[in-house]
PDB file of N, CA and C in Angstrom:
ATOM      1  N   MET A   1     -18.552  -7.308 -12.659  1.00  0.00           N
ATOM      2  CA  MET A   1     -17.980  -8.609 -12.957  1.00  0.00           C
ATOM      3  C   MET A   1     -18.807  -9.296 -14.037  1.00  0.00           C
ATOM      4  N   ALA A   2     -18.139 -10.125 -14.826  1.00  0.00           N
ATOM      5  CA  ALA A   2     -18.805 -10.828 -15.910  1.00  0.00           C
ATOM      6  C   ALA A   2     -19.744 -11.888 -15.341  1.00  0.00           C
ATOM      7  N   LYS A   3     -20.880 -12.060 -16.006  1.00  0.00           N
ATOM      8  CA  LYS A   3     -21.855 -13.016 -15.494  1.00  0.00           C
ATOM      9  C   LYS A   3     -22.118 -14.164 -16.457  1.00  0.00           C
ATOM     10  N   LYS A   4     -21.942 -13.902 -17.743  1.00  0.00           N
ATOM     11  CA  LYS A   4     -22.390 -14.873 -18.725  1.00  0.00           C
ATOM     12  C   LYS A   4     -21.363 -15.963 -19.019  1.00  0.00           C
ATOM     13  N   TYR A   5     -20.079 -15.582 -19.106  1.00  0.00           N
ATOM     14  CA  TYR A   5     -19.081 -16.544 -19.554  1.00  0.00           C
ATOM     15  C   TYR A   5     -18.130 -16.900 -18.427  1.00  0.00           C
ATOM     16  N   SER A   6     -17.917 -18.187 -18.257  1.00  0.00           N
ATOM     17  CA  SER A   6     -17.027 -18.627 -17.186  1.00  0.00           C
ATOM     18  C   SER A   6     -15.581 -18.226 -17.476  1.00  0.00           C
ATOM     19  N   SER A   7     -15.207 -18.154 -18.756  1.00  0.00           N
ATOM     20  CA  SER A   7     -13.840 -17.745 -19.097  1.00  0.00           C
ATOM     21  C   SER A   7     -13.612 -16.287 -18.708  1.00  0.00           C
ATOM     22  N   ALA A   8     -14.633 -15.461 -18.853  1.00  0.00           N
ATOM     23  CA  ALA A   8     -14.523 -14.054 -18.459  1.00  0.00           C
ATOM     24  C   ALA A   8     -14.424 -13.933 -16.942  1.00  0.00           C
ATOM     25  N   GLU A   9     -15.161 -14.775 -16.237  1.00  0.00           N
ATOM     26  CA  GLU A   9     -15.086 -14.767 -14.779  1.00  0.00           C
ATOM     27  C   GLU A   9     -13.699 -15.173 -14.313  1.00  0.00           C
ATOM     28  N   LYS A  10     -13.140 -16.193 -14.962  1.00  0.00           N
ATOM     29  CA  LYS A  10     -11.797 -16.648 -14.604  1.00  0.00           C
ATOM     30  C   LYS A  10     -10.768 -15.563 -14.904  1.00  0.00           C
ATOM     31  N   ARG A  11     -10.892 -14.914 -16.044  1.00  0.00           N
ATOM     32  CA  ARG A  11      -9.971 -13.838 -16.411  1.00  0.00           C
ATOM     33  C   ARG A  11     -10.053 -12.705 -15.388  1.00  0.00           C
ATOM     34  N   HIS A  12     -11.271 -12.407 -14.945  1.00  0.00           N
ATOM     35  CA  HIS A  12     -11.462 -11.354 -13.936  1.00  0.00           C
ATOM     36  C   HIS A  12     -10.777 -11.735 -12.623  1.00  0.00           C
ATOM     37  N   ARG A  13     -10.942 -12.977 -12.197  1.00  0.00           N
ATOM     38  CA  ARG A  13     -10.291 -13.458 -10.971  1.00  0.00           C
ATOM     39  C   ARG A  13      -8.777 -13.356 -11.091  1.00  0.00           C
ATOM     40  N   GLN A  14      -8.247 -13.790 -12.220  1.00  0.00           N
ATOM     41  CA  GLN A  14      -6.795 -13.759 -12.424  1.00  0.00           C
ATOM     42  C   GLN A  14      -6.251 -12.338 -12.414  1.00  0.00           C
ATOM     43  N   SER A  15      -6.955 -11.432 -13.078  1.00  0.00           N
ATOM     44  CA  SER A  15      -6.474 -10.051 -13.130  1.00  0.00           C
ATOM     45  C   SER A  15      -6.535  -9.410 -11.748  1.00  0.00           C
ATOM     46  N   GLU A  16      -7.534  -9.751 -10.966  1.00  0.00           N
ATOM     47  CA  GLU A  16      -7.637  -9.217  -9.603  1.00  0.00           C
ATOM     48  C   GLU A  16      -6.487  -9.726  -8.729  1.00  0.00           C
ATOM     49  N   GLU A  17      -6.151 -11.004  -8.853  1.00  0.00           N
ATOM     50  CA  GLU A  17      -5.029 -11.573  -8.098  1.00  0.00           C
ATOM     51  C   GLU A  17      -3.714 -10.900  -8.500  1.00  0.00           C
ATOM     52  N   ARG A  18      -3.520 -10.719  -9.796  1.00  0.00           N
ATOM     53  CA  ARG A  18      -2.297 -10.062 -10.275  1.00  0.00           C
ATOM     54  C   ARG A  18      -2.218  -8.621  -9.785  1.00  0.00           C
ATOM     55  N   ARG A  19      -3.356  -7.922  -9.807  1.00  0.00           N
ATOM     56  CA  ARG A  19      -3.384  -6.536  -9.365  1.00  0.00           C
ATOM     57  C   ARG A  19      -2.964  -6.430  -7.895  1.00  0.00           C
ATOM     58  N   LEU A  20      -3.455  -7.344  -7.066  1.00  0.00           N
ATOM     59  CA  LEU A  20      -3.109  -7.308  -5.643  1.00  0.00           C
ATOM     60  C   LEU A  20      -1.638  -7.643  -5.405  1.00  0.00           C
ATOM     61  N   LYS A  21      -1.118  -8.612  -6.160  1.00  0.00           N
ATOM     62  CA  LYS A  21       0.304  -8.955  -6.031  1.00  0.00           C
ATOM     63  C   LYS A  21       1.188  -7.797  -6.472  1.00  0.00           C
ATOM     64  N   ASN A  22       0.831  -7.183  -7.611  1.00  0.00           N
ATOM     65  CA  ASN A  22       1.607  -6.046  -8.121  1.00  0.00           C
ATOM     66  C   ASN A  22       1.566  -4.879  -7.156  1.00  0.00           C
ATOM     67  N   LYS A  23       0.408  -4.650  -6.564  1.00  0.00           N
ATOM     68  CA  LYS A  23       0.258  -3.571  -5.583  1.00  0.00           C
ATOM     69  C   LYS A  23       1.170  -3.815  -4.387  1.00  0.00           C
ATOM     70  N   SER A  24       1.255  -5.052  -3.948  1.00  0.00           N
ATOM     71  CA  SER A  24       2.102  -5.409  -2.814  1.00  0.00           C
ATOM     72  C   SER A  24       3.578  -5.177  -3.129  1.00  0.00           C
ATOM     73  N   VAL A  25       4.000  -5.592  -4.305  1.00  0.00           N
ATOM     74  CA  VAL A  25       5.404  -5.422  -4.701  1.00  0.00           C
ATOM     75  C   VAL A  25       5.741  -3.942  -4.848  1.00  0.00           C
ATOM     76  N   ARG A  26       4.859  -3.188  -5.498  1.00  0.00           N
ATOM     77  CA  ARG A  26       5.073  -1.748  -5.677  1.00  0.00           C
ATOM     78  C   ARG A  26       5.164  -1.042  -4.329  1.00  0.00           C
ATOM     79  N   SER A  27       4.337  -1.463  -3.396  1.00  0.00           N
ATOM     80  CA  SER A  27       4.342  -0.879  -2.057  1.00  0.00           C
ATOM     81  C   SER A  27       5.646  -1.187  -1.333  1.00  0.00           C
ATOM     82  N   SER A  28       6.141  -2.413  -1.461  1.00  0.00           N
ATOM     83  CA  SER A  28       7.393  -2.771  -0.793  1.00  0.00           C
ATOM     84  C   SER A  28       8.577  -2.007  -1.385  1.00  0.00           C
ATOM     85  N   VAL A  29       8.533  -1.742  -2.688  1.00  0.00           N
ATOM     86  CA  VAL A  29       9.588  -0.935  -3.320  1.00  0.00           C
ATOM     87  C   VAL A  29       9.570   0.472  -2.743  1.00  0.00           C
ATOM     88  N   ARG A  30       8.375   1.061  -2.664  1.00  0.00           N
ATOM     89  CA  ARG A  30       8.260   2.416  -2.112  1.00  0.00           C
ATOM     90  C   ARG A  30       8.722   2.472  -0.664  1.00  0.00           C
ATOM     91  N   THR A  31       8.371   1.452   0.111  1.00  0.00           N
ATOM     92  CA  THR A  31       8.772   1.405   1.516  1.00  0.00           C
ATOM     93  C   THR A  31      10.282   1.330   1.651  1.00  0.00           C
ATOM     94  N   SER A  32      10.925   0.514   0.824  1.00  0.00           N
ATOM     95  CA  SER A  32      12.383   0.390   0.908  1.00  0.00           C
ATOM     96  C   SER A  32      13.067   1.695   0.503  1.00  0.00           C
ATOM     97  N   ILE A  33      12.483   2.416  -0.456  1.00  0.00           N
ATOM     98  CA  ILE A  33      13.042   3.705  -0.856  1.00  0.00           C
ATOM     99  C   ILE A  33      12.919   4.702   0.290  1.00  0.00           C
ATOM    100  N   LYS A  34      11.749   4.745   0.925  1.00  0.00           N
ATOM    101  CA  LYS A  34      11.549   5.656   2.047  1.00  0.00           C
ATOM    102  C   LYS A  34      12.493   5.329   3.202  1.00  0.00           C
ATOM    103  N   LYS A  35      12.705   4.055   3.438  1.00  0.00           N
ATOM    104  CA  LYS A  35      13.617   3.630   4.508  1.00  0.00           C
ATOM    105  C   LYS A  35      15.034   4.132   4.220  1.00  0.00           C
ATOM    106  N   PHE A  36      15.459   4.001   2.980  1.00  0.00           N
ATOM    107  CA  PHE A  36      16.786   4.467   2.590  1.00  0.00           C
ATOM    108  C   PHE A  36      16.898   5.982   2.729  1.00  0.00           C
ATOM    109  N   VAL A  37      15.887   6.704   2.287  1.00  0.00           N
ATOM    110  CA  VAL A  37      15.921   8.171   2.338  1.00  0.00           C
ATOM    111  C   VAL A  37      15.954   8.663   3.785  1.00  0.00           C
ATOM    112  N   THR A  38      15.199   8.024   4.674  1.00  0.00           N
ATOM    113  CA  THR A  38      15.227   8.443   6.078  1.00  0.00           C
ATOM    114  C   THR A  38      16.593   8.202   6.692  1.00  0.00           C
ATOM    115  N   LEU A  39      17.239   7.125   6.296  1.00  0.00           N
ATOM    116  CA  LEU A  39      18.597   6.865   6.798  1.00  0.00           C
ATOM    117  C   LEU A  39      19.589   7.890   6.260  1.00  0.00           C
ATOM    118  N   THR A  40      19.367   8.360   5.044  1.00  0.00           N
ATOM    119  CA  THR A  40      20.271   9.381   4.500  1.00  0.00           C
ATOM    120  C   THR A  40      20.109  10.699   5.250  1.00  0.00           C
ATOM    121  N   HIS A  41      18.895  11.006   5.671  1.00  0.00           N
ATOM    122  CA  HIS A  41      18.686  12.229   6.445  1.00  0.00           C
ATOM    123  C   HIS A  41      19.361  12.132   7.816  1.00  0.00           C
ATOM    124  N   LYS A  42      19.410  10.890   8.358  1.00  0.00           N
ATOM    125  CA  LYS A  42      20.075  10.689   9.646  1.00  0.00           C
ATOM    126  C   LYS A  42      21.589  10.547   9.483  1.00  0.00           C
ATOM    127  N   LYS A  43      22.027  10.354   8.229  1.00  0.00           N
ATOM    128  CA  LYS A  43      23.449  10.192   7.883  1.00  0.00           C
ATOM    129  C   LYS A  43      24.092   8.983   8.573  1.00  0.00           C
ATOM    130  N   GLU A  44      23.381   7.856   8.548  1.00  0.00           N
ATOM    131  CA  GLU A  44      23.900   6.596   9.077  1.00  0.00           C
ATOM    132  C   GLU A  44      24.435   5.780   7.900  1.00  0.00           C
ATOM    133  N   VAL A  45      25.743   5.839   7.701  1.00  0.00           N
ATOM    134  CA  VAL A  45      26.336   5.223   6.502  1.00  0.00           C
ATOM    135  C   VAL A  45      26.195   3.705   6.512  1.00  0.00           C
ATOM    136  N   SER A  46      26.419   3.069   7.648  1.00  0.00           N
ATOM    137  CA  SER A  46      26.343   1.602   7.681  1.00  0.00           C
ATOM    138  C   SER A  46      24.921   1.121   7.396  1.00  0.00           C
ATOM    139  N   GLY A  47      23.932   1.790   7.961  1.00  0.00           N
ATOM    140  CA  GLY A  47      22.546   1.424   7.697  1.00  0.00           C
ATOM    141  C   GLY A  47      22.135   1.749   6.274  1.00  0.00           C
ATOM    142  N   MET A  48      22.689   2.856   5.754  1.00  0.00           N
ATOM    143  CA  MET A  48      22.364   3.257   4.381  1.00  0.00           C
ATOM    144  C   MET A  48      22.824   2.209   3.385  1.00  0.00           C
ATOM    145  N   GLU A  49      23.999   1.673   3.610  1.00  0.00           N
ATOM    146  CA  GLU A  49      24.549   0.701   2.659  1.00  0.00           C
ATOM    147  C   GLU A  49      23.666  -0.543   2.585  1.00  0.00           C
ATOM    148  N   ALA A  50      23.239  -1.040   3.748  1.00  0.00           N
ATOM    149  CA  ALA A  50      22.372  -2.219   3.777  1.00  0.00           C
ATOM    150  C   ALA A  50      21.016  -1.908   3.150  1.00  0.00           C
ATOM    151  N   ALA A  51      20.479  -0.731   3.460  1.00  0.00           N
ATOM    152  CA  ALA A  51      19.175  -0.342   2.907  1.00  0.00           C
ATOM    153  C   ALA A  51      19.259  -0.162   1.394  1.00  0.00           C
ATOM    154  N   LEU A  52      20.399   0.359   0.920  1.00  0.00           N
ATOM    155  CA  LEU A  52      20.592   0.543  -0.524  1.00  0.00           C
ATOM    156  C   LEU A  52      20.595  -0.803  -1.244  1.00  0.00           C
ATOM    157  N   LYS A  53      21.298  -1.774  -0.692  1.00  0.00           N
ATOM    158  CA  LYS A  53      21.344  -3.106  -1.312  1.00  0.00           C
ATOM    159  C   LYS A  53      19.956  -3.737  -1.355  1.00  0.00           C
ATOM    160  N   GLU A  54      19.218  -3.616  -0.259  1.00  0.00           N
ATOM    161  CA  GLU A  54      17.875  -4.177  -0.201  1.00  0.00           C
ATOM    162  C   GLU A  54      16.959  -3.484  -1.208  1.00  0.00           C
ATOM    163  N   MET A  55      17.075  -2.153  -1.287  1.00  0.00           N
ATOM    164  CA  MET A  55      16.241  -1.377  -2.199  1.00  0.00           C
ATOM    165  C   MET A  55      16.528  -1.752  -3.651  1.00  0.00           C
ATOM    166  N   ILE A  56      17.795  -1.860  -3.999  1.00  0.00           N
ATOM    167  CA  ILE A  56      18.168  -2.217  -5.371  1.00  0.00           C
ATOM    168  C   ILE A  56      17.636  -3.596  -5.736  1.00  0.00           C
ATOM    169  N   LYS A  57      17.717  -4.513  -4.791  1.00  0.00           N
ATOM    170  CA  LYS A  57      17.216  -5.861  -5.043  1.00  0.00           C
ATOM    171  C   LYS A  57      15.708  -5.842  -5.312  1.00  0.00           C
ATOM    172  N   LYS A  58      14.965  -5.083  -4.511  1.00  0.00           N
ATOM    173  CA  LYS A  58      13.514  -5.014  -4.699  1.00  0.00           C
ATOM    174  C   LYS A  58      13.152  -4.324  -6.011  1.00  0.00           C
ATOM    175  N   ILE A  59      13.888  -3.272  -6.352  1.00  0.00           N
ATOM    176  CA  ILE A  59      13.618  -2.567  -7.604  1.00  0.00           C
ATOM    177  C   ILE A  59      13.906  -3.471  -8.796  1.00  0.00           C
ATOM    178  N   ASP A  60      15.015  -4.188  -8.759  1.00  0.00           N
ATOM    179  CA  ASP A  60      15.360  -5.100  -9.856  1.00  0.00           C
ATOM    180  C   ASP A  60      14.316  -6.201 -10.016  1.00  0.00           C
ATOM    181  N   THR A  61      13.856  -6.742  -8.890  1.00  0.00           N
ATOM    182  CA  THR A  61      12.841  -7.792  -8.940  1.00  0.00           C
ATOM    183  C   THR A  61      11.548  -7.271  -9.560  1.00  0.00           C
ATOM    184  N   ALA A  62      11.137  -6.078  -9.141  1.00  0.00           N
ATOM    185  CA  ALA A  62       9.907  -5.495  -9.684  1.00  0.00           C
ATOM    186  C   ALA A  62      10.046  -5.217 -11.179  1.00  0.00           C
ATOM    187  N   ALA A  63      11.215  -4.755 -11.605  1.00  0.00           N
ATOM    188  CA  ALA A  63      11.443  -4.482 -13.031  1.00  0.00           C
ATOM    189  C   ALA A  63      11.459  -5.772 -13.836  1.00  0.00           C
ATOM    190  N   GLN A  64      12.047  -6.792 -13.273  1.00  0.00           N
ATOM    191  CA  GLN A  64      12.120  -8.076 -13.966  1.00  0.00           C
ATOM    192  C   GLN A  64      10.723  -8.673 -14.150  1.00  0.00           C
ATOM    193  N   LYS A  65       9.854  -8.493 -13.163  1.00  0.00           N
ATOM    194  CA  LYS A  65       8.486  -9.008 -13.251  1.00  0.00           C
ATOM    195  C   LYS A  65       7.589  -8.125 -14.103  1.00  0.00           C
ATOM    196  N   GLY A  66       8.080  -6.935 -14.485  1.00  0.00           N
ATOM    197  CA  GLY A  66       7.299  -6.044 -15.319  1.00  0.00           C
ATOM    198  C   GLY A  66       6.342  -5.166 -14.532  1.00  0.00           C
ATOM    199  N   ILE A  67       6.523  -5.098 -13.226  1.00  0.00           N
ATOM    200  CA  ILE A  67       5.645  -4.288 -12.391  1.00  0.00           C
ATOM    201  C   ILE A  67       5.999  -2.813 -12.537  1.00  0.00           C
ATOM    202  N   ILE A  68       7.298  -2.518 -12.632  1.00  0.00           N
ATOM    203  CA  ILE A  68       7.732  -1.172 -13.002  1.00  0.00           C
ATOM    204  C   ILE A  68       8.589  -1.314 -14.257  1.00  0.00           C
ATOM    205  N   LYS A  69       8.660  -0.254 -15.041  1.00  0.00           N
ATOM    206  CA  LYS A  69       9.424  -0.320 -16.282  1.00  0.00           C
ATOM    207  C   LYS A  69      10.916  -0.312 -15.994  1.00  0.00           C
ATOM    208  N   LYS A  70      11.680  -0.871 -16.909  1.00  0.00           N
ATOM    209  CA  LYS A  70      13.126  -1.007 -16.719  1.00  0.00           C
ATOM    210  C   LYS A  70      13.813   0.355 -16.607  1.00  0.00           C
ATOM    211  N   ASN A  71      13.399   1.328 -17.411  1.00  0.00           N
ATOM    212  CA  ASN A  71      14.007   2.657 -17.336  1.00  0.00           C
ATOM    213  C   ASN A  71      13.675   3.348 -16.019  1.00  0.00           C
ATOM    214  N   THR A  72      12.475   3.131 -15.519  1.00  0.00           N
ATOM    215  CA  THR A  72      12.082   3.690 -14.231  1.00  0.00           C
ATOM    216  C   THR A  72      12.948   3.100 -13.132  1.00  0.00           C
ATOM    217  N   ALA A  73      13.170   1.799 -13.197  1.00  0.00           N
ATOM    218  CA  ALA A  73      14.011   1.128 -12.203  1.00  0.00           C
ATOM    219  C   ALA A  73      15.436   1.672 -12.262  1.00  0.00           C
ATOM    220  N   ALA A  74      15.960   1.830 -13.458  1.00  0.00           N
ATOM    221  CA  ALA A  74      17.322   2.343 -13.618  1.00  0.00           C
ATOM    222  C   ALA A  74      17.427   3.763 -13.088  1.00  0.00           C
ATOM    223  N   ARG A  75      16.405   4.571 -13.348  1.00  0.00           N
ATOM    224  CA  ARG A  75      16.419   5.960 -12.880  1.00  0.00           C
ATOM    225  C   ARG A  75      16.391   6.033 -11.352  1.00  0.00           C
ATOM    226  N   LYS A  76      15.534   5.241 -10.735  1.00  0.00           N
ATOM    227  CA  LYS A  76      15.441   5.237  -9.272  1.00  0.00           C
ATOM    228  C   LYS A  76      16.746   4.769  -8.640  1.00  0.00           C
ATOM    229  N   LYS A  77      17.319   3.697  -9.180  1.00  0.00           N
ATOM    230  CA  LYS A  77      18.580   3.181  -8.641  1.00  0.00           C
ATOM    231  C   LYS A  77      19.695   4.201  -8.806  1.00  0.00           C
ATOM    232  N   SER A  78      19.751   4.849  -9.953  1.00  0.00           N
ATOM    233  CA  SER A  78      20.792   5.827 -10.223  1.00  0.00           C
ATOM    234  C   SER A  78      20.713   6.999  -9.261  1.00  0.00           C
ATOM    235  N   ARG A  79      19.512   7.503  -9.034  1.00  0.00           N
ATOM    236  CA  ARG A  79      19.340   8.651  -8.137  1.00  0.00           C
ATOM    237  C   ARG A  79      19.723   8.298  -6.708  1.00  0.00           C
ATOM    238  N   MET A  80      19.316   7.124  -6.259  1.00  0.00           N
ATOM    239  CA  MET A  80      19.627   6.719  -4.884  1.00  0.00           C
ATOM    240  C   MET A  80      21.118   6.421  -4.717  1.00  0.00           C
ATOM    241  N   GLN A  81      21.728   5.828  -5.729  1.00  0.00           N
ATOM    242  CA  GLN A  81      23.173   5.553  -5.676  1.00  0.00           C
ATOM    243  C   GLN A  81      23.951   6.860  -5.643  1.00  0.00           C
ATOM    244  N   ARG A  82      23.523   7.843  -6.437  1.00  0.00           N
ATOM    245  CA  ARG A  82      24.185   9.141  -6.455  1.00  0.00           C
ATOM    246  C   ARG A  82      24.071   9.833  -5.093  1.00  0.00           C
ATOM    247  N   LEU A  83      22.896   9.742  -4.467  1.00  0.00           N
ATOM    248  CA  LEU A  83      22.688  10.309  -3.136  1.00  0.00           C
ATOM    249  C   LEU A  83      23.610   9.644  -2.126  1.00  0.00           C
ATOM    250  N   PHE A  84      23.701   8.323  -2.206  1.00  0.00           N
ATOM    251  CA  PHE A  84      24.579   7.570  -1.306  1.00  0.00           C
ATOM    252  C   PHE A  84      26.040   7.978  -1.493  1.00  0.00           C
ATOM    253  N   ASN A  85      26.464   8.089  -2.747  1.00  0.00           N
ATOM    254  CA  ASN A  85      27.865   8.437  -3.027  1.00  0.00           C
ATOM    255  C   ASN A  85      28.216   9.840  -2.541  1.00  0.00           C
ATOM    256  N   THR A  86      27.312  10.796  -2.698  1.00  0.00           N
ATOM    257  CA  THR A  86      27.602  12.142  -2.250  1.00  0.00           C
ATOM    258  C   THR A  86      27.705  12.215  -0.725  1.00  0.00           C
ATOM    259  N   LEU A  87      26.819  11.492  -0.027  1.00  0.00           N
ATOM    260  CA  LEU A  87      26.883  11.490   1.430  1.00  0.00           C
ATOM    261  C   LEU A  87      28.114  10.751   1.944  1.00  0.00           C
ATOM    262  N   ARG A  88      28.479   9.704   1.228  1.00  0.00           N
ATOM    263  CA  ARG A  88      29.674   8.946   1.639  1.00  0.00           C
ATOM    264  C   ARG A  88      30.940   9.764   1.418  1.00  0.00           C
ATOM    265  N   ALA A  89      30.994  10.502   0.319  1.00  0.00           N
ATOM    266  CA  ALA A  89      32.156  11.327   0.017  1.00  0.00           C
ATOM    267  C   ALA A  89      32.283  12.489   1.008  1.00  0.00           C
ATOM    268  N   ALA A  90      31.164  12.965   1.507  1.00  0.00           N
ATOM    269  CA  ALA A  90      31.167  14.088   2.443  1.00  0.00           C
ATOM    270  C   ALA A  90      31.754  13.687   3.805  1.00  0.00           C
ATOM    271  N   GLN A  91      31.716  12.408   4.101  1.00  0.00           N
ATOM    272  CA  GLN A  91      32.243  11.970   5.414  1.00  0.00           C
ATOM    273  C   GLN A  91      33.676  11.542   5.370  1.00  0.00           C
TER     274      GLN A  91
END
C-alpha cells in the first residue's frame, strides 16, 4: 500500500472497494448460471424459465456496469437461451 501520498492511499482504497463489488457481482452471475444449468439437467421447464430470466438480468447488469464485456454477456445469454430452447422443443 502507498505510504507517502494521501491521494494514492485513497485511490488504493477505492480500487479495493471496486474489486470486492465486482467480485460479488461476478460471483452472483456464475451462481445464477449454475442454478440454470442444474435445472436443465433435471429438466424442470417452469423452474428453468424463471432461472433463465434471472440469469439474463444479472448478466445484463454486469455487462452494463462493465464487469464483464458486452460480447461475453451476449455469448453466455445466447448459449443458455439455445439450451433452453432445445430442451423446451424436446418436450
